[in-house]
Amino acid sequence: MNENQNFLKDKVKETTEKAKENIDEIRHSSAWQKTKDTAKKVASITGSHLATTKASITLSNEEAELMERLKSKLNKKKIYPSKSEILRAGLWNLRNKNEEELEEAVKDLFKVKQMRVL
């Protein structure tokens, strides 16, 4: 490694360390703590749109293709949802169904075995 590369490497390391120190200082400040506490309160008050849970799901090939077709239809209308948004829209459409309608909606689905890819 030449002298110029060593200088740049050291400068990057120094800048990174300073940035980490600044971030830690901000995180420990009272203003940050107040903001964090307020955000937690707001999330608990407003619920679903601020408080999120990450979940992993498994779809059959046919369901994955359906997801892509739905995305394509919406993209043609200049709407660009994520797969998660499409799934969430489907859940919201099921929320007002009675027990019989829910049973009807899921009875023909087959179980998809989850597989871990190593």
PDB file of N, CA and C in Angstrom:
ATOM      1  N   MET A   1       0.846  -1.168   0.000  1.00  0.00           N
ATOM      2  CA  MET A   1       0.000   0.000   0.000  1.00  0.00           C
ATOM      3  C   MET A   1       0.898   1.240   0.000  1.00  0.00           C
ATOM      4  N   ASN A   2       0.618   2.201  -0.853  1.00  0.00           N
ATOM      5  CA  ASN A   2       1.473   3.384  -0.876  1.00  0.00           C
ATOM      6  C   ASN A   2       1.056   4.382   0.201  1.00  0.00           C
ATOM      7  N   GLU A   3       1.855   5.411   0.334  1.00  0.00           N
ATOM      8  CA  GLU A   3       1.656   6.405   1.403  1.00  0.00           C
ATOM      9  C   GLU A   3       0.317   7.122   1.271  1.00  0.00           C
ATOM     10  N   ASN A   4      -0.089   7.425   0.065  1.00  0.00           N
ATOM     11  CA  ASN A   4      -1.357   8.123  -0.190  1.00  0.00           C
ATOM     12  C   ASN A   4      -2.552   7.256   0.225  1.00  0.00           C
ATOM     13  N   GLN A   5      -2.496   5.971  -0.080  1.00  0.00           N
ATOM     14  CA  GLN A   5      -3.572   5.059   0.295  1.00  0.00           C
ATOM     15  C   GLN A   5      -3.665   4.917   1.809  1.00  0.00           C
ATOM     16  N   ASN A   6      -2.504   4.848   2.478  1.00  0.00           N
ATOM     17  CA  ASN A   6      -2.490   4.774   3.941  1.00  0.00           C
ATOM     18  C   ASN A   6      -3.097   6.023   4.554  1.00  0.00           C
ATOM     19  N   PHE A   7      -2.750   7.188   3.996  1.00  0.00           N
ATOM     20  CA  PHE A   7      -3.299   8.445   4.489  1.00  0.00           C
ATOM     21  C   PHE A   7      -4.820   8.450   4.350  1.00  0.00           C
ATOM     22  N   LEU A   8      -5.324   8.055   3.175  1.00  0.00           N
ATOM     23  CA  LEU A   8      -6.770   8.029   2.942  1.00  0.00           C
ATOM     24  C   LEU A   8      -7.469   7.049   3.878  1.00  0.00           C
ATOM     25  N   LYS A   9      -6.865   5.889   4.071  1.00  0.00           N
ATOM     26  CA  LYS A   9      -7.435   4.876   4.949  1.00  0.00           C
ATOM     27  C   LYS A   9      -7.529   5.411   6.382  1.00  0.00           C
ATOM     28  N   ASP A  10      -6.475   6.056   6.851  1.00  0.00           N
ATOM     29  CA  ASP A  10      -6.469   6.625   8.193  1.00  0.00           C
ATOM     30  C   ASP A  10      -7.493   7.754   8.320  1.00  0.00           C
ATOM     31  N   LYS A  11      -7.610   8.567   7.281  1.00  0.00           N
ATOM     32  CA  LYS A  11      -8.568   9.677   7.300  1.00  0.00           C
ATOM     33  C   LYS A  11      -9.998   9.158   7.368  1.00  0.00           C
ATOM     34  N   VAL A  12     -10.304   8.115   6.596  1.00  0.00           N
ATOM     35  CA  VAL A  12     -11.642   7.513   6.619  1.00  0.00           C
ATOM     36  C   VAL A  12     -11.938   6.944   7.999  1.00  0.00           C
ATOM     37  N   LYS A  13     -10.957   6.262   8.575  1.00  0.00           N
ATOM     38  CA  LYS A  13     -11.130   5.675   9.903  1.00  0.00           C
ATOM     39  C   LYS A  13     -11.380   6.764  10.940  1.00  0.00           C
ATOM     40  N   GLU A  14     -10.614   7.835  10.869  1.00  0.00           N
ATOM     41  CA  GLU A  14     -10.769   8.953  11.809  1.00  0.00           C
ATOM     42  C   GLU A  14     -12.149   9.601  11.664  1.00  0.00           C
ATOM     43  N   THR A  15     -12.569   9.839  10.435  1.00  0.00           N
ATOM     44  CA  THR A  15     -13.879  10.452  10.177  1.00  0.00           C
ATOM     45  C   THR A  15     -15.007   9.554  10.659  1.00  0.00           C
ATOM     46  N   THR A  16     -14.877   8.260  10.432  1.00  0.00           N
ATOM     47  CA  THR A  16     -15.884   7.301  10.871  1.00  0.00           C
ATOM     48  C   THR A  16     -16.002   7.293  12.384  1.00  0.00           C
ATOM     49  N   GLU A  17     -14.875   7.298  13.059  1.00  0.00           N
ATOM     50  CA  GLU A  17     -14.885   7.299  14.525  1.00  0.00           C
ATOM     51  C   GLU A  17     -15.527   8.569  15.070  1.00  0.00           C
ATOM     52  N   LYS A  18     -15.220   9.729  14.455  1.00  0.00           N
ATOM     53  CA  LYS A  18     -15.834  10.992  14.890  1.00  0.00           C
ATOM     54  C   LYS A  18     -17.355  10.950  14.682  1.00  0.00           C
ATOM     55  N   ALA A  19     -17.770  10.415  13.560  1.00  0.00           N
ATOM     56  CA  ALA A  19     -19.202  10.326  13.277  1.00  0.00           C
ATOM     57  C   ALA A  19     -19.905   9.436  14.298  1.00  0.00           C
ATOM     58  N   LYS A  20     -19.292   8.307  14.637  1.00  0.00           N
ATOM     59  CA  LYS A  20     -19.869   7.406  15.638  1.00  0.00           C
ATOM     60  C   LYS A  20     -19.974   8.093  16.995  1.00  0.00           C
ATOM     61  N   GLU A  21     -18.939   8.858  17.346  1.00  0.00           N
ATOM     62  CA  GLU A  21     -18.967   9.596  18.610  1.00  0.00           C
ATOM     63  C   GLU A  21     -20.111  10.616  18.613  1.00  0.00           C
ATOM     64  N   ASN A  22     -20.273  11.324  17.502  1.00  0.00           N
ATOM     65  CA  ASN A  22     -21.353  12.313  17.400  1.00  0.00           C
ATOM     66  C   ASN A  22     -22.716  11.652  17.524  1.00  0.00           C
ATOM     67  N   ILE A  23     -22.887  10.512  16.883  1.00  0.00           N
ATOM     68  CA  ILE A  23     -24.158   9.785  16.946  1.00  0.00           C
ATOM     69  C   ILE A  23     -24.431   9.339  18.379  1.00  0.00           C
ATOM     70  N   ASP A  24     -23.417   8.789  19.040  1.00  0.00           N
ATOM     71  CA  ASP A  24     -23.580   8.350  20.437  1.00  0.00           C
ATOM     72  C   ASP A  24     -23.935   9.530  21.337  1.00  0.00           C
ATOM     73  N   GLU A  25     -23.286  10.675  21.104  1.00  0.00           N
ATOM     74  CA  GLU A  25     -23.558  11.872  21.906  1.00  0.00           C
ATOM     75  C   GLU A  25     -25.014  12.315  21.731  1.00  0.00           C
ATOM     76  N   ILE A  26     -25.483  12.302  20.501  1.00  0.00           N
ATOM     77  CA  ILE A  26     -26.873  12.688  20.225  1.00  0.00           C
ATOM     78  C   ILE A  26     -27.835  11.708  20.862  1.00  0.00           C
ATOM     79  N   ARG A  27     -27.545  10.415  20.756  1.00  0.00           N
ATOM     80  CA  ARG A  27     -28.431   9.399  21.324  1.00  0.00           C
ATOM     81  C   ARG A  27     -28.551   9.508  22.839  1.00  0.00           C
ATOM     82  N   HIS A  28     -27.532  10.015  23.475  1.00  0.00           N
ATOM     83  CA  HIS A  28     -27.562  10.148  24.925  1.00  0.00           C
ATOM     84  C   HIS A  28     -28.074  11.508  25.386  1.00  0.00           C
ATOM     85  N   SER A  29     -28.338  12.412  24.449  1.00  0.00           N
ATOM     86  CA  SER A  29     -28.827  13.738  24.829  1.00  0.00           C
ATOM     87  C   SER A  29     -30.270  13.643  25.316  1.00  0.00           C
ATOM     88  N   SER A  30     -30.651  14.595  26.141  1.00  0.00           N
ATOM     89  CA  SER A  30     -32.019  14.585  26.682  1.00  0.00           C
ATOM     90  C   SER A  30     -33.042  14.837  25.581  1.00  0.00           C
ATOM     91  N   ALA A  31     -32.686  15.655  24.589  1.00  0.00           N
ATOM     92  CA  ALA A  31     -33.631  15.926  23.494  1.00  0.00           C
ATOM     93  C   ALA A  31     -33.934  14.641  22.722  1.00  0.00           C
ATOM     94  N   TRP A  32     -32.904  13.846  22.475  1.00  0.00           N
ATOM     95  CA  TRP A  32     -33.105  12.582  21.765  1.00  0.00           C
ATOM     96  C   TRP A  32     -34.016  11.653  22.565  1.00  0.00           C
ATOM     97  N   GLN A  33     -33.756  11.558  23.861  1.00  0.00           N
ATOM     98  CA  GLN A  33     -34.561  10.683  24.718  1.00  0.00           C
ATOM     99  C   GLN A  33     -36.016  11.135  24.733  1.00  0.00           C
ATOM    100  N   LYS A  34     -36.235  12.452  24.806  1.00  0.00           N
ATOM    101  CA  LYS A  34     -37.610  12.969  24.787  1.00  0.00           C
ATOM    102  C   LYS A  34     -38.284  12.634  23.468  1.00  0.00           C
ATOM    103  N   THR A  35     -37.558  12.803  22.365  1.00  0.00           N
ATOM    104  CA  THR A  35     -38.114  12.490  21.048  1.00  0.00           C
ATOM    105  C   THR A  35     -38.460  11.015  20.951  1.00  0.00           C
ATOM    106  N   LYS A  36     -37.543  10.171  21.424  1.00  0.00           N
ATOM    107  CA  LYS A  36     -37.759   8.727  21.389  1.00  0.00           C
ATOM    108  C   LYS A  36     -38.967   8.349  22.242  1.00  0.00           C
ATOM    109  N   ASP A  37     -39.075   8.916  23.440  1.00  0.00           N
ATOM    110  CA  ASP A  37     -40.209   8.627  24.319  1.00  0.00           C
ATOM    111  C   ASP A  37     -41.524   9.096  23.696  1.00  0.00           C
ATOM    112  N   THR A  38     -41.505  10.272  23.087  1.00  0.00           N
ATOM    113  CA  THR A  38     -42.710  10.796  22.433  1.00  0.00           C
ATOM    114  C   THR A  38     -43.112   9.898  21.272  1.00  0.00           C
ATOM    115  N   ALA A  39     -42.132   9.455  20.493  1.00  0.00           N
ATOM    116  CA  ALA A  39     -42.434   8.575  19.360  1.00  0.00           C
ATOM    117  C   ALA A  39     -43.075   7.281  19.833  1.00  0.00           C
ATOM    118  N   LYS A  40     -42.587   6.743  20.951  1.00  0.00           N
ATOM    119  CA  LYS A  40     -43.176   5.518  21.491  1.00  0.00           C
ATOM    120  C   LYS A  40     -44.624   5.752  21.901  1.00  0.00           C
ATOM    121  N   LYS A  41     -44.892   6.894  22.551  1.00  0.00           N
ATOM    122  CA  LYS A  41     -46.253   7.207  22.966  1.00  0.00           C
ATOM    123  C   LYS A  41     -47.164   7.355  21.768  1.00  0.00           C
ATOM    124  N   VAL A  42     -46.697   8.084  20.750  1.00  0.00           N
ATOM    125  CA  VAL A  42     -47.502   8.291  19.545  1.00  0.00           C
ATOM    126  C   VAL A  42     -47.778   6.956  18.875  1.00  0.00           C
ATOM    127  N   ALA A  43     -46.760   6.098  18.786  1.00  0.00           N
ATOM    128  CA  ALA A  43     -46.938   4.793  18.151  1.00  0.00           C
ATOM    129  C   ALA A  43     -47.977   3.974  18.899  1.00  0.00           C
ATOM    130  N   SER A  44     -47.943   4.039  20.213  1.00  0.00           N
ATOM    131  CA  SER A  44     -48.918   3.241  20.961  1.00  0.00           C
ATOM    132  C   SER A  44     -50.316   3.835  20.855  1.00  0.00           C
ATOM    133  N   ILE A  45     -50.416   5.139  20.683  1.00  0.00           N
ATOM    134  CA  ILE A  45     -51.729   5.780  20.565  1.00  0.00           C
ATOM    135  C   ILE A  45     -52.322   5.539  19.177  1.00  0.00           C
ATOM    136  N   THR A  46     -51.543   5.791  18.135  1.00  0.00           N
ATOM    137  CA  THR A  46     -52.083   5.690  16.784  1.00  0.00           C
ATOM    138  C   THR A  46     -52.114   4.265  16.263  1.00  0.00           C
ATOM    139  N   GLY A  47     -51.300   3.396  16.816  1.00  0.00           N
ATOM    140  CA  GLY A  47     -51.381   1.985  16.483  1.00  0.00           C
ATOM    141  C   GLY A  47     -50.787   1.592  15.163  1.00  0.00           C
ATOM    142  N   SER A  48     -51.603   0.987  14.323  1.00  0.00           N
ATOM    143  CA  SER A  48     -51.155   0.168  13.208  1.00  0.00           C
ATOM    144  C   SER A  48     -50.166   0.807  12.247  1.00  0.00           C
ATOM    145  N   HIS A  49     -50.258   2.082  11.976  1.00  0.00           N
ATOM    146  CA  HIS A  49     -49.416   2.625  10.917  1.00  0.00           C
ATOM    147  C   HIS A  49     -48.014   3.002  11.376  1.00  0.00           C
ATOM    148  N   LEU A  50     -47.811   3.211  12.671  1.00  0.00           N
ATOM    149  CA  LEU A  50     -46.472   3.520  13.145  1.00  0.00           C
ATOM    150  C   LEU A  50     -45.800   2.323  13.792  1.00  0.00           C
ATOM    151  N   ALA A  51     -46.563   1.507  14.447  1.00  0.00           N
ATOM    152  CA  ALA A  51     -46.002   0.325  15.085  1.00  0.00           C
ATOM    153  C   ALA A  51     -46.059  -0.808  14.070  1.00  0.00           C
ATOM    154  N   THR A  52     -44.918  -1.330  13.695  1.00  0.00           N
ATOM    155  CA  THR A  52     -44.887  -2.379  12.677  1.00  0.00           C
ATOM    156  C   THR A  52     -44.237  -3.636  13.225  1.00  0.00           C
ATOM    157  N   THR A  53     -44.597  -4.738  12.631  1.00  0.00           N
ATOM    158  CA  THR A  53     -43.998  -6.018  12.968  1.00  0.00           C
ATOM    159  C   THR A  53     -43.533  -6.652  11.672  1.00  0.00           C
ATOM    160  N   LYS A  54     -42.318  -7.113  11.656  1.00  0.00           N
ATOM    161  CA  LYS A  54     -41.796  -7.784  10.474  1.00  0.00           C
ATOM    162  C   LYS A  54     -42.146  -9.256  10.573  1.00  0.00           C
ATOM    163  N   ALA A  55     -42.723  -9.797   9.502  1.00  0.00           N
ATOM    164  CA  ALA A  55     -43.108 -11.199   9.482  1.00  0.00           C
ATOM    165  C   ALA A  55     -42.660 -11.816   8.166  1.00  0.00           C
ATOM    166  N   SER A  56     -42.311 -13.061   8.229  1.00  0.00           N
ATOM    167  CA  SER A  56     -41.912 -13.778   7.031  1.00  0.00           C
ATOM    168  C   SER A  56     -43.053 -14.697   6.631  1.00  0.00           C
ATOM    169  N   ILE A  57     -43.403 -14.685   5.352  1.00  0.00           N
ATOM    170  CA  ILE A  57     -44.480 -15.556   4.875  1.00  0.00           C
ATOM    171  C   ILE A  57     -43.970 -16.371   3.698  1.00  0.00           C
ATOM    172  N   THR A  58     -44.655 -17.458   3.428  1.00  0.00           N
ATOM    173  CA  THR A  58     -44.317 -18.306   2.297  1.00  0.00           C
ATOM    174  C   THR A  58     -45.515 -18.365   1.371  1.00  0.00           C
ATOM    175  N   LEU A  59     -45.275 -18.120   0.091  1.00  0.00           N
ATOM    176  CA  LEU A  59     -46.327 -18.172  -0.921  1.00  0.00           C
ATOM    177  C   LEU A  59     -46.039 -19.309  -1.884  1.00  0.00           C
ATOM    178  N   SER A  60     -47.111 -19.850  -2.447  1.00  0.00           N
ATOM    179  CA  SER A  60     -46.914 -20.829  -3.512  1.00  0.00           C
ATOM    180  C   SER A  60     -46.461 -20.069  -4.759  1.00  0.00           C
ATOM    181  N   ASN A  61     -45.977 -20.786  -5.754  1.00  0.00           N
ATOM    182  CA  ASN A  61     -45.566 -20.140  -7.002  1.00  0.00           C
ATOM    183  C   ASN A  61     -46.739 -19.399  -7.634  1.00  0.00           C
ATOM    184  N   GLU A  62     -47.920 -20.013  -7.598  1.00  0.00           N
ATOM    185  CA  GLU A  62     -49.113 -19.392  -8.175  1.00  0.00           C
ATOM    186  C   GLU A  62     -49.459 -18.087  -7.450  1.00  0.00           C
ATOM    187  N   GLU A  63     -49.345 -18.092  -6.122  1.00  0.00           N
ATOM    188  CA  GLU A  63     -49.640 -16.882  -5.345  1.00  0.00           C
ATOM    189  C   GLU A  63     -48.605 -15.792  -5.605  1.00  0.00           C
ATOM    190  N   ALA A  64     -47.349 -16.189  -5.764  1.00  0.00           N
ATOM    191  CA  ALA A  64     -46.297 -15.224  -6.072  1.00  0.00           C
ATOM    192  C   ALA A  64     -46.534 -14.599  -7.449  1.00  0.00           C
ATOM    193  N   GLU A  65     -46.962 -15.404  -8.409  1.00  0.00           N
ATOM    194  CA  GLU A  65     -47.277 -14.891  -9.746  1.00  0.00           C
ATOM    195  C   GLU A  65     -48.474 -13.946  -9.687  1.00  0.00           C
ATOM    196  N   LEU A  66     -49.472 -14.291  -8.890  1.00  0.00           N
ATOM    197  CA  LEU A  66     -50.634 -13.420  -8.709  1.00  0.00           C
ATOM    198  C   LEU A  66     -50.199 -12.080  -8.124  1.00  0.00           C
ATOM    199  N   MET A  67     -49.317 -12.115  -7.149  1.00  0.00           N
ATOM    200  CA  MET A  67     -48.795 -10.889  -6.546  1.00  0.00           C
ATOM    201  C   MET A  67     -48.148 -10.010  -7.618  1.00  0.00           C
ATOM    202  N   GLU A  68     -47.338 -10.613  -8.475  1.00  0.00           N
ATOM    203  CA  GLU A  68     -46.673  -9.863  -9.540  1.00  0.00           C
ATOM    204  C   GLU A  68     -47.679  -9.303 -10.547  1.00  0.00           C
ATOM    205  N   ARG A  69     -48.713 -10.080 -10.869  1.00  0.00           N
ATOM    206  CA  ARG A  69     -49.746  -9.585 -11.789  1.00  0.00           C
ATOM    207  C   ARG A  69     -50.490  -8.400 -11.198  1.00  0.00           C
ATOM    208  N   LEU A  70     -50.802  -8.467  -9.904  1.00  0.00           N
ATOM    209  CA  LEU A  70     -51.480  -7.353  -9.241  1.00  0.00           C
ATOM    210  C   LEU A  70     -50.591  -6.112  -9.238  1.00  0.00           C
ATOM    211  N   LYS A  71     -49.306  -6.304  -8.961  1.00  0.00           N
ATOM    212  CA  LYS A  71     -48.377  -5.179  -8.994  1.00  0.00           C
ATOM    213  C   LYS A  71     -48.324  -4.563 -10.388  1.00  0.00           C
ATOM    214  N   SER A  72     -48.289  -5.401 -11.420  1.00  0.00           N
ATOM    215  CA  SER A  72     -48.219  -4.907 -12.807  1.00  0.00           C
ATOM    216  C   SER A  72     -49.455  -4.097 -13.168  1.00  0.00           C
ATOM    217  N   LYS A  73     -50.638  -4.597 -12.766  1.00  0.00           N
ATOM    218  CA  LYS A  73     -51.878  -3.860 -13.040  1.00  0.00           C
ATOM    219  C   LYS A  73     -51.842  -2.482 -12.406  1.00  0.00           C
ATOM    220  N   LEU A  74     -51.378  -2.430 -11.164  1.00  0.00           N
ATOM    221  CA  LEU A  74     -51.316  -1.151 -10.462  1.00  0.00           C
ATOM    222  C   LEU A  74     -50.232  -0.251 -11.049  1.00  0.00           C
ATOM    223  N   ASN A  75     -49.111  -0.838 -11.454  1.00  0.00           N
ATOM    224  CA  ASN A  75     -48.042  -0.050 -12.071  1.00  0.00           C
ATOM    225  C   ASN A  75     -48.517   0.641 -13.339  1.00  0.00           C
ATOM    226  N   LYS A  76     -49.391  -0.035 -14.106  1.00  0.00           N
ATOM    227  CA  LYS A  76     -49.932   0.570 -15.324  1.00  0.00           C
ATOM    228  C   LYS A  76     -50.766   1.803 -15.010  1.00  0.00           C
ATOM    229  N   LYS A  77     -51.296   1.867 -13.796  1.00  0.00           N
ATOM    230  CA  LYS A  77     -52.083   3.022 -13.362  1.00  0.00           C
ATOM    231  C   LYS A  77     -51.210   4.012 -12.583  1.00  0.00           C
ATOM    232  N   LYS A  78     -49.871   3.819 -12.695  1.00  0.00           N
ATOM    233  CA  LYS A  78     -48.891   4.669 -12.022  1.00  0.00           C
ATOM    234  C   LYS A  78     -49.004   4.603 -10.502  1.00  0.00           C
ATOM    235  N   ILE A  79     -49.353   3.429  -9.998  1.00  0.00           N
ATOM    236  CA  ILE A  79     -49.364   3.139  -8.564  1.00  0.00           C
ATOM    237  C   ILE A  79     -48.313   2.054  -8.361  1.00  0.00           C
ATOM    238  N   TYR A  80     -47.389   2.275  -7.441  1.00  0.00           N
ATOM    239  CA  TYR A  80     -46.246   1.373  -7.290  1.00  0.00           C
ATOM    240  C   TYR A  80     -46.179   0.796  -5.876  1.00  0.00           C
ATOM    241  N   PRO A  81     -47.068  -0.156  -5.573  1.00  0.00           N
ATOM    242  CA  PRO A  81     -47.065  -0.741  -4.231  1.00  0.00           C
ATOM    243  C   PRO A  81     -45.967  -1.792  -4.080  1.00  0.00           C
ATOM    244  N   SER A  82     -45.560  -1.990  -2.837  1.00  0.00           N
ATOM    245  CA  SER A  82     -44.643  -3.088  -2.541  1.00  0.00           C
ATOM    246  C   SER A  82     -45.479  -4.363  -2.390  1.00  0.00           C
ATOM    247  N   LYS A  83     -44.814  -5.491  -2.335  1.00  0.00           N
ATOM    248  CA  LYS A  83     -45.524  -6.749  -2.102  1.00  0.00           C
ATOM    249  C   LYS A  83     -46.209  -6.710  -0.747  1.00  0.00           C
ATOM    250  N   SER A  84     -45.551  -6.120   0.215  1.00  0.00           N
ATOM    251  CA  SER A  84     -46.121  -5.998   1.549  1.00  0.00           C
ATOM    252  C   SER A  84     -47.414  -5.190   1.512  1.00  0.00           C
ATOM    253  N   GLU A  85     -47.430  -4.106   0.749  1.00  0.00           N
ATOM    254  CA  GLU A  85     -48.638  -3.280   0.658  1.00  0.00           C
ATOM    255  C   GLU A  85     -49.784  -4.031   0.001  1.00  0.00           C
ATOM    256  N   ILE A  86     -49.487  -4.835  -0.998  1.00  0.00           N
ATOM    257  CA  ILE A  86     -50.536  -5.629  -1.640  1.00  0.00           C
ATOM    258  C   ILE A  86     -51.106  -6.642  -0.657  1.00  0.00           C
ATOM    259  N   LEU A  87     -50.234  -7.311   0.080  1.00  0.00           N
ATOM    260  CA  LEU A  87     -50.680  -8.274   1.076  1.00  0.00           C
ATOM    261  C   LEU A  87     -51.519  -7.586   2.151  1.00  0.00           C
ATOM    262  N   ARG A  88     -51.063  -6.427   2.614  1.00  0.00           N
ATOM    263  CA  ARG A  88     -51.809  -5.707   3.644  1.00  0.00           C
ATOM    264  C   ARG A  88     -53.176  -5.256   3.136  1.00  0.00           C
ATOM    265  N   ALA A  89     -53.258  -4.860   1.856  1.00  0.00           N
ATOM    266  CA  ALA A  89     -54.552  -4.484   1.275  1.00  0.00           C
ATOM    267  C   ALA A  89     -55.504  -5.672   1.297  1.00  0.00           C
ATOM    268  N   GLY A  90     -54.977  -6.861   0.992  1.00  0.00           N
ATOM    269  CA  GLY A  90     -55.797  -8.064   1.045  1.00  0.00           C
ATOM    270  C   GLY A  90     -56.301  -8.341   2.452  1.00  0.00           C
ATOM    271  N   LEU A  91     -55.444  -8.144   3.439  1.00  0.00           N
ATOM    272  CA  LEU A  91     -55.863  -8.340   4.836  1.00  0.00           C
ATOM    273  C   LEU A  91     -56.953  -7.347   5.215  1.00  0.00           C
ATOM    274  N   TRP A  92     -56.780  -6.093   4.807  1.00  0.00           N
ATOM    275  CA  TRP A  92     -57.805  -5.094   5.127  1.00  0.00           C
ATOM    276  C   TRP A  92     -59.129  -5.435   4.460  1.00  0.00           C
ATOM    277  N   ASN A  93     -59.087  -6.038   3.287  1.00  0.00           N
ATOM    278  CA  ASN A  93     -60.323  -6.439   2.617  1.00  0.00           C
ATOM    279  C   ASN A  93     -60.999  -7.618   3.307  1.00  0.00           C
ATOM    280  N   LEU A  94     -60.236  -8.392   4.055  1.00  0.00           N
ATOM    281  CA  LEU A  94     -60.813  -9.527   4.790  1.00  0.00           C
ATOM    282  C   LEU A  94     -61.338  -9.139   6.170  1.00  0.00           C
ATOM    283  N   ARG A  95     -60.986  -7.981   6.664  1.00  0.00           N
ATOM    284  CA  ARG A  95     -61.268  -7.632   8.059  1.00  0.00           C
ATOM    285  C   ARG A  95     -62.754  -7.593   8.410  1.00  0.00           C
ATOM    286  N   ASN A  96     -63.615  -7.269   7.471  1.00  0.00           N
ATOM    287  CA  ASN A  96     -65.046  -7.152   7.778  1.00  0.00           C
ATOM    288  C   ASN A  96     -65.858  -8.388   7.392  1.00  0.00           C
ATOM    289  N   LYS A  97     -65.181  -9.431   7.002  1.00  0.00           N
ATOM    290  CA  LYS A  97     -65.877 -10.657   6.617  1.00  0.00           C
ATOM    291  C   LYS A  97     -66.373 -11.386   7.867  1.00  0.00           C
ATOM    292  N   ASN A  98     -67.517 -12.045   7.740  1.00  0.00           N
ATOM    293  CA  ASN A  98     -67.983 -12.862   8.863  1.00  0.00           C
ATOM    294  C   ASN A  98     -67.261 -14.213   8.816  1.00  0.00           C
ATOM    295  N   GLU A  99     -67.510 -15.056   9.805  1.00  0.00           N
ATOM    296  CA  GLU A  99     -66.782 -16.319   9.913  1.00  0.00           C
ATOM    297  C   GLU A  99     -66.980 -17.209   8.686  1.00  0.00           C
ATOM    298  N   GLU A 100     -68.200 -17.260   8.167  1.00  0.00           N
ATOM    299  CA  GLU A 100     -68.452 -18.105   6.998  1.00  0.00           C
ATOM    300  C   GLU A 100     -67.703 -17.589   5.772  1.00  0.00           C
ATOM    301  N   GLU A 101     -67.677 -16.269   5.588  1.00  0.00           N
ATOM    302  CA  GLU A 101     -66.967 -15.695   4.443  1.00  0.00           C
ATOM    303  C   GLU A 101     -65.459 -15.922   4.568  1.00  0.00           C
ATOM    304  N   LEU A 102     -64.940 -15.804   5.783  1.00  0.00           N
ATOM    305  CA  LEU A 102     -63.521 -16.076   5.999  1.00  0.00           C
ATOM    306  C   LEU A 102     -63.190 -17.534   5.711  1.00  0.00           C
ATOM    307  N   GLU A 103     -64.060 -18.425   6.201  1.00  0.00           N
ATOM    308  CA  GLU A 103     -63.858 -19.852   5.954  1.00  0.00           C
ATOM    309  C   GLU A 103     -63.855 -20.124   4.460  1.00  0.00           C
ATOM    310  N   GLU A 104     -64.768 -19.527   3.745  1.00  0.00           N
ATOM    311  CA  GLU A 104     -64.863 -19.707   2.293  1.00  0.00           C
ATOM    312  C   GLU A 104     -63.597 -19.193   1.596  1.00  0.00           C
ATOM    313  N   ALA A 105     -63.079 -18.075   2.088  1.00  0.00           N
ATOM    314  CA  ALA A 105     -61.902 -17.462   1.473  1.00  0.00           C
ATOM    315  C   ALA A 105     -60.646 -18.317   1.628  1.00  0.00           C
ATOM    316  N   VAL A 106     -60.547 -19.076   2.715  1.00  0.00           N
ATOM    317  CA  VAL A 106     -59.310 -19.824   2.957  1.00  0.00           C
ATOM    318  C   VAL A 106     -59.427 -21.333   2.775  1.00  0.00           C
ATOM    319  N   LYS A 107     -60.624 -21.842   2.625  1.00  0.00           N
ATOM    320  CA  LYS A 107     -60.775 -23.302   2.608  1.00  0.00           C
ATOM    321  C   LYS A 107     -60.114 -23.973   1.411  1.00  0.00           C
ATOM    322  N   ASP A 108     -60.024 -23.282   0.288  1.00  0.00           N
ATOM    323  CA  ASP A 108     -59.423 -23.900  -0.892  1.00  0.00           C
ATOM    324  C   ASP A 108     -57.902 -23.711  -0.969  1.00  0.00           C
ATOM    325  N   LEU A 109     -57.347 -22.960  -0.041  1.00  0.00           N
ATOM    326  CA  LEU A 109     -55.890 -22.795  -0.033  1.00  0.00           C
ATOM    327  C   LEU A 109     -55.242 -24.078   0.451  1.00  0.00           C
ATOM    328  N   PHE A 110     -54.121 -24.407  -0.123  1.00  0.00           N
ATOM    329  CA  PHE A 110     -53.411 -25.584   0.359  1.00  0.00           C
ATOM    330  C   PHE A 110     -52.247 -25.120   1.218  1.00  0.00           C
ATOM    331  N   LYS A 111     -51.804 -26.012   2.089  1.00  0.00           N
ATOM    332  CA  LYS A 111     -50.697 -25.691   2.981  1.00  0.00           C
ATOM    333  C   LYS A 111     -49.405 -25.622   2.176  1.00  0.00           C
ATOM    334  N   VAL A 112     -48.649 -24.557   2.400  1.00  0.00           N
ATOM    335  CA  VAL A 112     -47.354 -24.388   1.754  1.00  0.00           C
ATOM    336  C   VAL A 112     -46.302 -24.662   2.817  1.00  0.00           C
ATOM    337  N   LYS A 113     -45.504 -25.678   2.585  1.00  0.00           N
ATOM    338  CA  LYS A 113     -44.487 -26.046   3.553  1.00  0.00           C
ATOM    339  C   LYS A 113     -43.342 -25.028   3.474  1.00  0.00           C
ATOM    340  N   GLN A 114     -43.004 -24.469   4.629  1.00  0.00           N
ATOM    341  CA  GLN A 114     -41.881 -23.539   4.675  1.00  0.00           C
ATOM    342  C   GLN A 114     -40.584 -24.306   4.583  1.00  0.00           C
ATOM    343  N   MET A 115     -39.692 -23.790   3.773  1.00  0.00           N
ATOM    344  CA  MET A 115     -38.402 -24.449   3.608  1.00  0.00           C
ATOM    345  C   MET A 115     -37.317 -23.436   3.884  1.00  0.00           C
ATOM    346  N   ARG A 116     -36.278 -23.878   4.536  1.00  0.00           N
ATOM    347  CA  ARG A 116     -35.126 -23.007   4.783  1.00  0.00           C
ATOM    348  C   ARG A 116     -34.095 -23.270   3.692  1.00  0.00           C
ATOM    349  N   VAL A 117     -33.622 -22.196   3.117  1.00  0.00           N
ATOM    350  CA  VAL A 117     -32.575 -22.309   2.116  1.00  0.00           C
ATOM    351  C   VAL A 117     -31.258 -22.064   2.816  1.00  0.00           C
ATOM    352  N   LEU A 118     -30.374 -23.022   2.718  1.00  0.00           N
ATOM    353  CA  LEU A 118     -29.069 -22.875   3.390  1.00  0.00           C
ATOM    354  C   LEU A 118     -28.042 -22.280   2.475  1.00  0.00           C
TER     355      LEU A 118
END
